[in-house]
Amino acid sequence: MNLILLGINHKTAPIELRERVAIPRERIADFSRQLTAATGIRESMILSTCNRVEILATADSANAHPDANMDRFLADHFAIDPAELAPHLYQFHDVAAVRHLFRVAASLDSMVIGESQILGQVKDAYNLGRELGTIASELDPLLQSAFAAAKKVRTETEIGSTTVSIASVAVDLARKIFGSLSGKTIFLVGAGKMSELAARHLVAQGASSILLTNRTRQRADAMATHFTGSVRPRVVDWESIYDAASQADILITSTGAPHPIFTREHAQAFLQKRRNRPMFFIDIAVPRDVDSSVNRLEGIFLYDIDDLQSVAATHLAERTREASDAEAMIAAEVERFQQRLRTVDIAPLIIALQQRAEELRLAEMRRMQARLATLTPEQSSAVEAICRSMINKLLHPTLQALKQAARTGDNDRIASIRAEWSLPENFTSAQASVVESSDQLVASRSRS
């Protein structure tokens, strides 16, 4: 595969730039079509989350500079100066792209090492790519291997031993700010997975009142029904969002809005209604839901997703050993995938070798045809079986040597075997050649 991975994430770019290249799910289909038309790539998967936007793609070998074409496409599509965007992009090719994909799926490249949401997000991107037809025979086995590697990491290491996510880090921050969440009112804006996780962590930390709103009321109602016990989110209509916000001590927002839904003017109004009691905003949306100017108001404290990195660092320190074990496991899984890929690549050569041996066997059978003419059909079948068995046994060491050479990338050994057996460079044509069957040979001998 001519594999390319192009991306931007929380390590390489600030949120101010990441939110400009965020791709909502409903726009991925159009984005993928335009990307293919502009760059000539064959297959692709788009992963767009709050912390990263990545394009995984395969390109024709004749496509001289597919990565450069993808760079230009991104800059043009999002109307960003290429000189501004380029320093924040990263590119990986072939085995390096495989390694990065495996690390992402296993949450080793996440802001919070060990968080479980990223694997689901990669699977969602994969499913969407399958629906759109942008993931087929090349990327499909790679993604399946990435999922298997991520599952292995989560089941065989302690990296996911505790529930950690961006949402849980946000709640930890709220708890540290207030000391205790008892008696505090929390307003969740957005009823997505991140908000639901935040709500569950809030309840566990002692929050006594949770308000919840979503642009689609039905979705908010559905999320509220998932909670049992003494604390259950109270759903408010989206139209009442600003009235409800003024009641909140902590507002956690995570929507898919393309523009801020809370401005400096809104925050000033909240403070007046609250009689200047402080208010904390935790904005985990990309693009951001809260205008950054809000943070300049006295009594308003705003934290966006990049601010959460300092809290996430404590989780990373606790998981250093587990992360080290997971990295070693991912390295082994990447090598295993590469070996499988090389074995698949060598399959046409193996078929060509088997066909070459069969051609030699048939040639000898034709040369001895006159001497074998007196044999009965049963005797002819026995001779056929003996010859085939001998050929298979003689071929076995060579076939094993080919497979081993493929696994280790020993191209010199592969070339030597190909030359020794006079095998063609074009394996596909050899694979397509028609070999005369033993039944045809017997029939020809009988007619003579």
Foldseek 3Di string as FASTA:
>chain_A
DFKKKKKFFLVQDPLVVLLLQADDPVCVLVVVVVLCVQQVWQFWFWQGDLTMTMIITHHDPVRPCSPVSNLVCSCVVSVHDSVVCVSRMDMDTDLRVLLVLLCQLLQVPPLFFQANVRVVSLVVRVVVRVVSVRDDDPCVVSNVLSNVLSVCLVVVFCRNVDHDDLLLLLLVVVCVVVVAQAPFEEEEEALDPSSLVNVVNSVVRHHQAYEYEYQDQVSRVVSQVVDDDNYTYDYDYPVCVLVVQLRGQEYEYEDADSDAPAELVSLVVSCVVNVLAAHEYEFAYRVTNYDPCNCVDPRYHYHYSSNSSVSSVVSCVVCVVSSVVSSVSSVVSSLVVQLVVLLVVCVLVVLLLVLLLLVVLVVVCVVCLVVCLPPDPVVLVVVVVVSVVVSCVVCVVVVVQSSVCSSVVVVVSVVVVCVVSVGDPPSVVSNPDDDDDVVVVVVVSNVD
